[in-house]
């Protein structure tokens, strides 16, 4: 698991940095990068041409997962959503900052199924979310969830630009 200081700066643990992940991912519910019941720091990562999700986050038997940060990364041309978090009854914090998420065959950033409980904090700032087949950003937080979506450019997605439900 990744660790962060009080200002959410990465201090150690699990990291993907300066990595290209190309032509990966399974055909059903698998991403090129799968984050299961843990957290991860991704910085300067390129994820392209996955058969399904670019990045997929889910829990197994764990209720709480620490901060996952995705920064300065390129997530494009994947077979489903660029970033997918299945947030059902999930206590999680996700920060996506200064990324380009485009031309995915699903939503650019999706936090689906979060309306059934859990506490979520989503911070999406300074991203370009463009040309996805679906919404640009979909946030489905639980009643105890909070979303900060600021300074993003959301263009040319085939459904909603930004879609939220059950978020504070």
N, C-alpha and C. Protein backbone atom coordinates (compact mmCIF):
# COMPACT_ATOMS: atom_id res chain seq x y z
N UNK A 1 0.84 -1.18 0.00
CA UNK A 1 0.00 0.00 0.00
C UNK A 1 0.88 1.24 0.00
N UNK A 2 0.39 2.31 -0.59
CA UNK A 2 1.10 3.58 -0.62
C UNK A 2 0.86 4.34 0.67
N UNK A 3 1.84 5.17 1.03
CA UNK A 3 1.70 6.02 2.20
C UNK A 3 1.90 7.48 1.80
N UNK A 4 1.24 8.36 2.54
CA UNK A 4 1.25 9.79 2.26
C UNK A 4 1.40 10.54 3.58
N UNK A 5 1.95 11.75 3.51
CA UNK A 5 2.04 12.58 4.70
C UNK A 5 0.73 13.34 4.91
N UNK A 6 0.69 14.22 5.89
CA UNK A 6 -0.52 14.97 6.20
C UNK A 6 -1.00 15.88 5.10
N UNK A 7 -0.13 16.21 4.13
CA UNK A 7 -0.52 17.04 2.98
C UNK A 7 -0.78 16.19 1.74
N UNK A 8 -0.91 14.88 1.90
CA UNK A 8 -1.16 13.92 0.82
C UNK A 8 -0.02 13.82 -0.18
N UNK A 9 1.21 14.12 0.26
CA UNK A 9 2.39 13.89 -0.57
C UNK A 9 2.85 12.45 -0.38
N UNK A 10 3.18 11.80 -1.48
CA UNK A 10 3.63 10.41 -1.44
C UNK A 10 4.90 10.30 -0.60
N UNK A 11 4.94 9.32 0.31
CA UNK A 11 6.11 9.10 1.16
C UNK A 11 6.71 7.71 1.01
N UNK A 12 5.96 6.75 0.47
CA UNK A 12 6.53 5.42 0.31
C UNK A 12 5.46 4.40 -0.04
N UNK A 13 5.90 3.18 -0.27
CA UNK A 13 4.98 2.09 -0.56
C UNK A 13 4.77 1.87 -2.04
N UNK A 14 3.64 1.29 -2.39
CA UNK A 14 3.35 0.85 -3.76
C UNK A 14 3.25 2.03 -4.72
N UNK A 15 3.99 1.92 -5.83
CA UNK A 15 4.04 3.02 -6.80
C UNK A 15 4.26 2.46 -8.21
N UNK A 16 3.60 3.08 -9.18
CA UNK A 16 3.93 2.92 -10.59
C UNK A 16 4.33 4.31 -11.07
N UNK A 17 5.55 4.45 -11.55
CA UNK A 17 6.04 5.76 -11.97
C UNK A 17 6.90 5.59 -13.22
N UNK A 18 6.65 6.47 -14.22
CA UNK A 18 7.36 6.42 -15.50
C UNK A 18 7.24 5.02 -16.13
N UNK A 19 5.98 4.58 -16.25
CA UNK A 19 5.69 3.25 -16.78
C UNK A 19 4.71 3.38 -17.94
N UNK A 20 4.91 2.60 -18.99
CA UNK A 20 3.95 2.47 -20.08
C UNK A 20 3.30 1.10 -19.99
N UNK A 21 1.96 1.07 -19.95
CA UNK A 21 1.21 -0.18 -19.95
C UNK A 21 0.37 -0.16 -21.22
N UNK A 22 0.73 -0.99 -22.18
CA UNK A 22 0.11 -0.95 -23.50
C UNK A 22 -0.45 -2.32 -23.86
N UNK A 23 -1.63 -2.33 -24.51
CA UNK A 23 -2.25 -3.56 -25.02
C UNK A 23 -2.41 -4.62 -23.94
N UNK A 24 -2.89 -4.22 -22.79
CA UNK A 24 -3.09 -5.15 -21.67
C UNK A 24 -4.59 -5.22 -21.36
N UNK A 25 -4.94 -5.81 -20.23
CA UNK A 25 -6.33 -5.86 -19.80
C UNK A 25 -7.08 -7.03 -20.39
N UNK A 26 -8.00 -7.53 -19.59
CA UNK A 26 -8.82 -8.66 -20.02
C UNK A 26 -10.05 -8.19 -20.76
N UNK A 27 -10.89 -9.12 -21.13
CA UNK A 27 -12.08 -8.78 -21.89
C UNK A 27 -13.30 -8.56 -21.03
N UNK A 28 -13.23 -8.88 -19.72
CA UNK A 28 -14.40 -8.72 -18.87
C UNK A 28 -13.97 -8.30 -17.47
N UNK A 29 -14.29 -7.07 -17.10
CA UNK A 29 -14.01 -6.55 -15.76
C UNK A 29 -12.54 -6.56 -15.38
N UNK A 30 -11.66 -6.49 -16.31
CA UNK A 30 -10.23 -6.40 -16.02
C UNK A 30 -9.68 -5.15 -16.67
N UNK A 31 -8.76 -4.52 -15.98
CA UNK A 31 -8.11 -3.36 -16.53
C UNK A 31 -6.67 -3.65 -16.86
N UNK A 32 -6.03 -2.74 -17.56
CA UNK A 32 -4.60 -2.86 -17.77
C UNK A 32 -3.89 -2.77 -16.43
N UNK A 33 -4.41 -1.95 -15.52
CA UNK A 33 -3.94 -1.88 -14.14
C UNK A 33 -5.14 -2.15 -13.25
N UNK A 34 -5.06 -3.18 -12.41
CA UNK A 34 -6.13 -3.54 -11.48
C UNK A 34 -5.66 -3.25 -10.06
N UNK A 35 -6.45 -2.49 -9.33
CA UNK A 35 -6.14 -2.15 -7.95
C UNK A 35 -7.24 -2.77 -7.10
N UNK A 36 -6.91 -3.83 -6.37
CA UNK A 36 -7.92 -4.56 -5.59
C UNK A 36 -7.61 -4.48 -4.11
N UNK A 37 -8.52 -3.90 -3.36
CA UNK A 37 -8.46 -3.87 -1.90
C UNK A 37 -7.16 -3.29 -1.37
N UNK A 38 -6.59 -2.35 -2.08
CA UNK A 38 -5.39 -1.65 -1.64
C UNK A 38 -5.37 -0.28 -2.29
N UNK A 39 -4.33 0.48 -2.03
CA UNK A 39 -4.18 1.76 -2.71
C UNK A 39 -2.84 1.79 -3.43
N UNK A 40 -2.69 2.77 -4.32
CA UNK A 40 -1.52 2.81 -5.18
C UNK A 40 -1.27 4.27 -5.57
N UNK A 41 -0.02 4.61 -5.80
CA UNK A 41 0.35 5.92 -6.33
C UNK A 41 0.83 5.72 -7.76
N UNK A 42 0.17 6.39 -8.71
CA UNK A 42 0.56 6.34 -10.12
C UNK A 42 0.97 7.73 -10.55
N UNK A 43 2.18 7.86 -11.09
CA UNK A 43 2.69 9.16 -11.52
C UNK A 43 3.44 8.98 -12.84
N UNK A 44 3.09 9.81 -13.81
CA UNK A 44 3.71 9.74 -15.14
C UNK A 44 3.59 8.34 -15.74
N UNK A 45 2.36 7.85 -15.76
CA UNK A 45 2.05 6.53 -16.31
C UNK A 45 1.25 6.71 -17.60
N UNK A 46 1.56 5.93 -18.61
CA UNK A 46 0.77 5.89 -19.84
C UNK A 46 0.07 4.54 -19.91
N UNK A 47 -1.26 4.58 -20.04
CA UNK A 47 -2.05 3.35 -20.17
C UNK A 47 -2.88 3.50 -21.44
N UNK A 48 -2.60 2.64 -22.43
CA UNK A 48 -3.27 2.74 -23.72
C UNK A 48 -3.62 1.37 -24.27
N UNK A 49 -4.70 1.32 -25.01
CA UNK A 49 -5.11 0.16 -25.80
C UNK A 49 -5.41 -1.08 -24.96
N UNK A 50 -5.93 -0.87 -23.75
CA UNK A 50 -6.38 -2.01 -22.95
C UNK A 50 -7.61 -2.61 -23.60
N UNK A 51 -7.77 -3.93 -23.48
CA UNK A 51 -8.96 -4.59 -24.02
C UNK A 51 -10.21 -4.17 -23.27
N UNK A 52 -10.08 -3.73 -22.02
CA UNK A 52 -11.24 -3.29 -21.23
C UNK A 52 -10.89 -1.98 -20.54
N UNK A 53 -10.96 -1.90 -19.22
CA UNK A 53 -10.66 -0.66 -18.50
C UNK A 53 -9.17 -0.32 -18.61
N UNK A 54 -8.88 0.97 -18.54
CA UNK A 54 -7.49 1.39 -18.39
C UNK A 54 -7.02 1.08 -16.97
N UNK A 55 -7.69 1.67 -15.99
CA UNK A 55 -7.43 1.40 -14.57
C UNK A 55 -8.74 0.95 -13.95
N UNK A 56 -8.71 -0.14 -13.20
CA UNK A 56 -9.91 -0.64 -12.55
C UNK A 56 -9.63 -0.82 -11.07
N UNK A 57 -10.49 -0.21 -10.22
CA UNK A 57 -10.36 -0.31 -8.76
C UNK A 57 -11.59 -1.01 -8.21
N UNK A 58 -11.35 -1.97 -7.32
CA UNK A 58 -12.46 -2.63 -6.65
C UNK A 58 -11.96 -3.21 -5.33
N UNK A 59 -12.90 -3.54 -4.47
CA UNK A 59 -12.53 -4.18 -3.22
C UNK A 59 -12.98 -5.64 -3.28
N UNK A 60 -12.35 -6.45 -2.45
CA UNK A 60 -12.80 -7.83 -2.31
C UNK A 60 -13.47 -7.94 -0.95
N UNK A 61 -12.73 -8.26 0.08
CA UNK A 61 -13.34 -8.40 1.40
C UNK A 61 -12.94 -7.29 2.35
N UNK A 62 -12.37 -6.22 1.86
CA UNK A 62 -11.89 -5.11 2.68
C UNK A 62 -12.88 -3.96 2.55
N UNK A 63 -13.21 -3.31 3.66
CA UNK A 63 -14.16 -2.20 3.62
C UNK A 63 -13.49 -0.84 3.42
N UNK A 64 -12.24 -0.69 3.86
CA UNK A 64 -11.58 0.61 3.79
C UNK A 64 -10.25 0.50 3.05
N UNK A 65 -10.02 1.43 2.15
CA UNK A 65 -8.80 1.49 1.38
C UNK A 65 -8.31 2.93 1.44
N UNK A 66 -7.00 3.13 1.59
CA UNK A 66 -6.44 4.47 1.68
C UNK A 66 -6.46 5.21 0.36
N UNK A 67 -5.75 6.31 0.33
CA UNK A 67 -5.71 7.21 -0.82
C UNK A 67 -5.01 6.57 -2.01
N UNK A 68 -5.68 6.57 -3.16
CA UNK A 68 -5.05 6.26 -4.44
C UNK A 68 -4.93 7.58 -5.20
N UNK A 69 -3.71 7.89 -5.63
CA UNK A 69 -3.46 9.11 -6.41
C UNK A 69 -2.97 8.73 -7.80
N UNK A 70 -3.56 9.41 -8.78
CA UNK A 70 -3.15 9.25 -10.17
C UNK A 70 -2.80 10.65 -10.65
N UNK A 71 -1.54 10.88 -10.99
CA UNK A 71 -1.10 12.21 -11.37
C UNK A 71 -0.26 12.17 -12.64
N UNK A 72 -0.36 13.24 -13.43
CA UNK A 72 0.52 13.47 -14.58
C UNK A 72 0.54 12.26 -15.52
N UNK A 73 -0.61 11.68 -15.76
CA UNK A 73 -0.67 10.43 -16.53
C UNK A 73 -1.56 10.55 -17.75
N UNK A 74 -1.37 9.65 -18.70
CA UNK A 74 -2.11 9.60 -19.96
C UNK A 74 -2.85 8.27 -20.01
N UNK A 75 -4.19 8.34 -20.11
CA UNK A 75 -5.03 7.14 -20.14
C UNK A 75 -5.94 7.27 -21.36
N UNK A 76 -5.60 6.58 -22.44
CA UNK A 76 -6.31 6.77 -23.70
C UNK A 76 -6.54 5.47 -24.45
N UNK A 77 -7.57 5.52 -25.29
CA UNK A 77 -7.83 4.49 -26.30
C UNK A 77 -8.01 3.09 -25.71
N UNK A 78 -8.72 3.02 -24.58
CA UNK A 78 -9.00 1.73 -23.94
C UNK A 78 -10.38 1.23 -24.35
N UNK A 79 -10.63 -0.07 -24.21
CA UNK A 79 -11.85 -0.71 -24.69
C UNK A 79 -13.08 -0.45 -23.85
N UNK A 80 -12.93 0.16 -22.69
CA UNK A 80 -14.06 0.55 -21.84
C UNK A 80 -13.66 1.85 -21.15
N UNK A 81 -14.11 2.07 -19.93
CA UNK A 81 -13.80 3.32 -19.23
C UNK A 81 -12.30 3.48 -19.03
N UNK A 82 -11.85 4.73 -19.03
CA UNK A 82 -10.44 5.00 -18.77
C UNK A 82 -10.07 4.64 -17.35
N UNK A 83 -10.86 5.15 -16.38
CA UNK A 83 -10.67 4.84 -14.97
C UNK A 83 -12.02 4.44 -14.41
N UNK A 84 -12.09 3.26 -13.83
CA UNK A 84 -13.34 2.71 -13.29
C UNK A 84 -13.12 2.32 -11.84
N UNK A 85 -13.91 2.91 -10.93
CA UNK A 85 -13.88 2.51 -9.53
C UNK A 85 -15.25 1.96 -9.18
N UNK A 86 -15.31 0.69 -8.85
CA UNK A 86 -16.56 0.08 -8.42
C UNK A 86 -16.67 0.31 -6.92
N UNK A 87 -17.36 1.40 -6.55
CA UNK A 87 -17.28 1.96 -5.20
C UNK A 87 -18.39 1.49 -4.26
N UNK A 88 -19.11 0.44 -4.60
CA UNK A 88 -20.19 -0.05 -3.77
C UNK A 88 -19.70 -0.40 -2.36
N UNK A 89 -20.26 0.26 -1.35
CA UNK A 89 -19.92 0.04 0.06
C UNK A 89 -18.41 0.11 0.30
N UNK A 90 -17.79 1.06 -0.33
CA UNK A 90 -16.34 1.19 -0.36
C UNK A 90 -15.96 2.46 0.38
N UNK A 91 -15.07 2.40 1.34
CA UNK A 91 -14.49 3.58 1.96
C UNK A 91 -13.16 3.83 1.26
N UNK A 92 -13.11 4.89 0.46
CA UNK A 92 -11.96 5.10 -0.42
C UNK A 92 -11.78 6.59 -0.68
N UNK A 93 -10.54 6.98 -0.95
CA UNK A 93 -10.24 8.32 -1.42
C UNK A 93 -9.43 8.19 -2.70
N UNK A 94 -9.87 8.92 -3.73
CA UNK A 94 -9.19 8.90 -5.03
C UNK A 94 -8.91 10.34 -5.44
N UNK A 95 -7.67 10.61 -5.78
CA UNK A 95 -7.28 11.91 -6.34
C UNK A 95 -6.75 11.66 -7.75
N UNK A 96 -7.31 12.37 -8.72
CA UNK A 96 -6.83 12.32 -10.11
C UNK A 96 -6.48 13.75 -10.48
N UNK A 97 -5.21 14.00 -10.78
CA UNK A 97 -4.73 15.36 -10.98
C UNK A 97 -3.80 15.43 -12.20
N UNK A 98 -4.06 16.41 -13.03
CA UNK A 98 -3.18 16.72 -14.16
C UNK A 98 -3.00 15.54 -15.11
N UNK A 99 -4.11 14.89 -15.44
CA UNK A 99 -4.09 13.73 -16.34
C UNK A 99 -4.84 14.03 -17.62
N UNK A 100 -4.51 13.30 -18.67
CA UNK A 100 -5.27 13.31 -19.92
C UNK A 100 -5.96 11.96 -20.04
N UNK A 101 -7.30 12.00 -20.13
CA UNK A 101 -8.12 10.79 -20.19
C UNK A 101 -9.01 10.97 -21.42
N UNK A 102 -8.66 10.29 -22.50
CA UNK A 102 -9.40 10.56 -23.74
C UNK A 102 -9.52 9.34 -24.63
N UNK A 103 -10.54 9.41 -25.48
CA UNK A 103 -10.79 8.42 -26.53
C UNK A 103 -10.94 7.00 -25.99
N UNK A 104 -11.52 6.86 -24.80
CA UNK A 104 -11.84 5.55 -24.25
C UNK A 104 -13.23 5.14 -24.69
N UNK A 105 -13.50 3.85 -24.80
CA UNK A 105 -14.79 3.35 -25.28
C UNK A 105 -15.77 3.17 -24.12
N UNK A 106 -15.77 4.09 -23.22
CA UNK A 106 -16.66 4.15 -22.07
C UNK A 106 -16.48 5.51 -21.43
N UNK A 107 -16.89 5.64 -20.20
CA UNK A 107 -16.74 6.91 -19.48
C UNK A 107 -15.26 7.19 -19.23
N UNK A 108 -14.89 8.46 -19.23
CA UNK A 108 -13.50 8.82 -18.95
C UNK A 108 -13.10 8.40 -17.54
N UNK A 109 -13.83 8.94 -16.54
CA UNK A 109 -13.64 8.59 -15.13
C UNK A 109 -15.00 8.19 -14.58
N UNK A 110 -15.10 7.00 -14.00
CA UNK A 110 -16.38 6.52 -13.48
C UNK A 110 -16.20 5.95 -12.08
N UNK A 111 -17.05 6.40 -11.16
CA UNK A 111 -17.10 5.83 -9.82
C UNK A 111 -18.49 5.22 -9.68
N UNK A 112 -18.71 4.12 -10.36
CA UNK A 112 -20.03 3.52 -10.42
C UNK A 112 -20.39 2.79 -9.15
N UNK A 113 -21.66 2.59 -8.93
CA UNK A 113 -22.22 1.77 -7.86
C UNK A 113 -21.94 2.29 -6.47
N UNK A 114 -21.62 3.56 -6.31
CA UNK A 114 -21.28 4.07 -4.99
C UNK A 114 -22.47 4.48 -4.16
N UNK A 115 -23.68 4.29 -4.65
CA UNK A 115 -24.84 4.78 -3.94
C UNK A 115 -25.37 3.80 -2.89
N UNK A 116 -24.65 2.72 -2.61
CA UNK A 116 -25.15 1.72 -1.67
C UNK A 116 -24.39 1.73 -0.35
N UNK A 117 -23.69 2.81 -0.05
CA UNK A 117 -23.00 2.90 1.23
C UNK A 117 -21.53 3.21 1.07
N UNK A 118 -20.85 3.29 2.21
CA UNK A 118 -19.44 3.62 2.21
C UNK A 118 -19.23 5.12 2.26
N UNK A 119 -18.00 5.51 2.49
CA UNK A 119 -17.61 6.92 2.52
C UNK A 119 -16.54 7.12 1.46
N UNK A 120 -16.82 7.98 0.50
CA UNK A 120 -15.88 8.22 -0.58
C UNK A 120 -15.49 9.69 -0.62
N UNK A 121 -14.23 9.94 -0.97
CA UNK A 121 -13.76 11.29 -1.26
C UNK A 121 -13.09 11.24 -2.61
N UNK A 122 -13.66 11.97 -3.56
CA UNK A 122 -13.13 12.02 -4.91
C UNK A 122 -12.66 13.44 -5.19
N UNK A 123 -11.39 13.58 -5.59
CA UNK A 123 -10.83 14.89 -5.94
C UNK A 123 -10.28 14.77 -7.35
N UNK A 124 -10.94 15.43 -8.30
CA UNK A 124 -10.54 15.38 -9.71
C UNK A 124 -10.22 16.81 -10.14
N UNK A 125 -8.94 17.14 -10.35
CA UNK A 125 -8.54 18.50 -10.67
C UNK A 125 -7.55 18.56 -11.82
N UNK A 126 -7.69 19.60 -12.62
CA UNK A 126 -6.75 19.94 -13.70
C UNK A 126 -6.54 18.81 -14.71
N UNK A 127 -7.62 18.12 -15.05
CA UNK A 127 -7.55 17.03 -16.02
C UNK A 127 -8.16 17.45 -17.35
N UNK A 128 -7.72 16.83 -18.43
CA UNK A 128 -8.38 16.91 -19.73
C UNK A 128 -9.11 15.60 -19.93
N UNK A 129 -10.44 15.66 -20.04
CA UNK A 129 -11.28 14.48 -20.24
C UNK A 129 -12.03 14.71 -21.55
N UNK A 130 -11.63 14.01 -22.62
CA UNK A 130 -12.06 14.39 -23.96
C UNK A 130 -12.31 13.17 -24.84
N UNK A 131 -13.40 13.21 -25.61
CA UNK A 131 -13.63 12.24 -26.66
C UNK A 131 -13.93 10.82 -26.20
N UNK A 132 -14.46 10.66 -25.00
CA UNK A 132 -14.81 9.33 -24.51
C UNK A 132 -16.21 8.95 -24.97
N UNK A 133 -16.45 7.66 -25.17
CA UNK A 133 -17.76 7.15 -25.59
C UNK A 133 -18.56 6.87 -24.32
N UNK A 134 -19.19 7.88 -23.80
CA UNK A 134 -19.89 7.85 -22.52
C UNK A 134 -19.72 9.22 -21.90
N UNK A 135 -19.98 9.33 -20.62
CA UNK A 135 -19.79 10.60 -19.93
C UNK A 135 -18.30 10.89 -19.78
N UNK A 136 -18.01 12.17 -19.60
CA UNK A 136 -16.62 12.53 -19.30
C UNK A 136 -16.25 12.06 -17.90
N UNK A 137 -17.04 12.52 -16.91
CA UNK A 137 -16.83 12.14 -15.52
C UNK A 137 -18.18 11.76 -14.93
N UNK A 138 -18.26 10.58 -14.32
CA UNK A 138 -19.45 10.14 -13.60
C UNK A 138 -19.06 9.85 -12.17
N UNK A 139 -19.71 10.53 -11.22
CA UNK A 139 -19.43 10.32 -9.80
C UNK A 139 -20.72 9.86 -9.13
N UNK A 140 -20.71 8.63 -8.63
CA UNK A 140 -21.85 8.06 -7.92
C UNK A 140 -21.42 7.81 -6.48
N UNK A 141 -21.33 8.87 -5.69
CA UNK A 141 -20.89 8.74 -4.31
C UNK A 141 -22.02 8.33 -3.40
N UNK A 142 -21.67 7.73 -2.27
CA UNK A 142 -22.65 7.40 -1.26
C UNK A 142 -23.12 8.65 -0.53
N UNK A 143 -24.10 8.50 0.34
CA UNK A 143 -24.62 9.63 1.09
C UNK A 143 -23.54 10.29 1.94
N UNK A 144 -22.52 9.54 2.33
CA UNK A 144 -21.43 10.09 3.13
C UNK A 144 -20.24 10.48 2.25
N UNK A 145 -20.44 10.54 0.93
CA UNK A 145 -19.36 10.85 0.01
C UNK A 145 -19.21 12.33 -0.23
N UNK A 146 -18.03 12.72 -0.70
CA UNK A 146 -17.77 14.10 -1.07
C UNK A 146 -16.98 14.10 -2.36
N UNK A 147 -17.28 15.06 -3.23
CA UNK A 147 -16.59 15.18 -4.51
C UNK A 147 -16.11 16.60 -4.70
N UNK A 148 -14.87 16.73 -5.15
CA UNK A 148 -14.32 18.01 -5.56
C UNK A 148 -13.89 17.83 -7.01
N UNK A 149 -14.59 18.50 -7.90
CA UNK A 149 -14.31 18.41 -9.34
C UNK A 149 -14.04 19.85 -9.78
N UNK A 150 -12.77 20.17 -10.05
CA UNK A 150 -12.42 21.57 -10.30
C UNK A 150 -11.34 21.68 -11.37
N UNK A 151 -11.44 22.72 -12.18
CA UNK A 151 -10.43 23.09 -13.17
C UNK A 151 -10.12 21.98 -14.17
N UNK A 152 -11.14 21.20 -14.52
CA UNK A 152 -11.00 20.18 -15.55
C UNK A 152 -11.52 20.73 -16.88
N UNK A 153 -10.99 20.25 -17.96
CA UNK A 153 -11.56 20.52 -19.29
C UNK A 153 -12.24 19.22 -19.72
N UNK A 154 -13.57 19.29 -19.89
CA UNK A 154 -14.37 18.12 -20.25
C UNK A 154 -15.05 18.44 -21.58
N UNK A 155 -14.60 17.79 -22.66
CA UNK A 155 -15.05 18.10 -24.03
C UNK A 155 -15.40 16.84 -24.81
N UNK A 156 -16.34 16.98 -25.72
CA UNK A 156 -16.56 16.02 -26.79
C UNK A 156 -16.80 14.58 -26.35
N UNK A 157 -17.36 14.38 -25.16
CA UNK A 157 -17.75 13.04 -24.73
C UNK A 157 -19.17 12.80 -25.24
N UNK A 158 -19.55 11.56 -25.53
CA UNK A 158 -20.82 11.33 -26.21
C UNK A 158 -22.03 11.38 -25.29
N UNK A 159 -21.85 11.36 -23.99
CA UNK A 159 -22.97 11.46 -23.06
C UNK A 159 -22.79 12.71 -22.21
N UNK A 160 -23.04 12.64 -20.93
CA UNK A 160 -22.91 13.80 -20.04
C UNK A 160 -21.47 14.27 -19.97
N UNK A 161 -21.30 15.56 -19.78
CA UNK A 161 -19.97 16.07 -19.49
C UNK A 161 -19.52 15.60 -18.12
N UNK A 162 -20.28 16.05 -17.08
CA UNK A 162 -20.05 15.61 -15.72
C UNK A 162 -21.40 15.18 -15.15
N UNK A 163 -21.46 13.96 -14.63
CA UNK A 163 -22.71 13.42 -14.06
C UNK A 163 -22.45 13.06 -12.61
N UNK A 164 -23.27 13.56 -11.70
CA UNK A 164 -23.13 13.22 -10.29
C UNK A 164 -24.47 12.75 -9.73
N UNK A 165 -24.38 11.90 -8.71
CA UNK A 165 -25.58 11.45 -8.00
C UNK A 165 -25.19 11.07 -6.57
N UNK A 166 -26.00 11.47 -5.62
CA UNK A 166 -25.82 11.12 -4.21
C UNK A 166 -24.45 11.57 -3.70
N UNK A 167 -24.04 12.78 -4.08
CA UNK A 167 -22.75 13.32 -3.63
C UNK A 167 -22.99 14.61 -2.86
N UNK A 168 -22.09 14.88 -1.96
CA UNK A 168 -22.13 16.16 -1.23
C UNK A 168 -21.15 17.12 -1.85
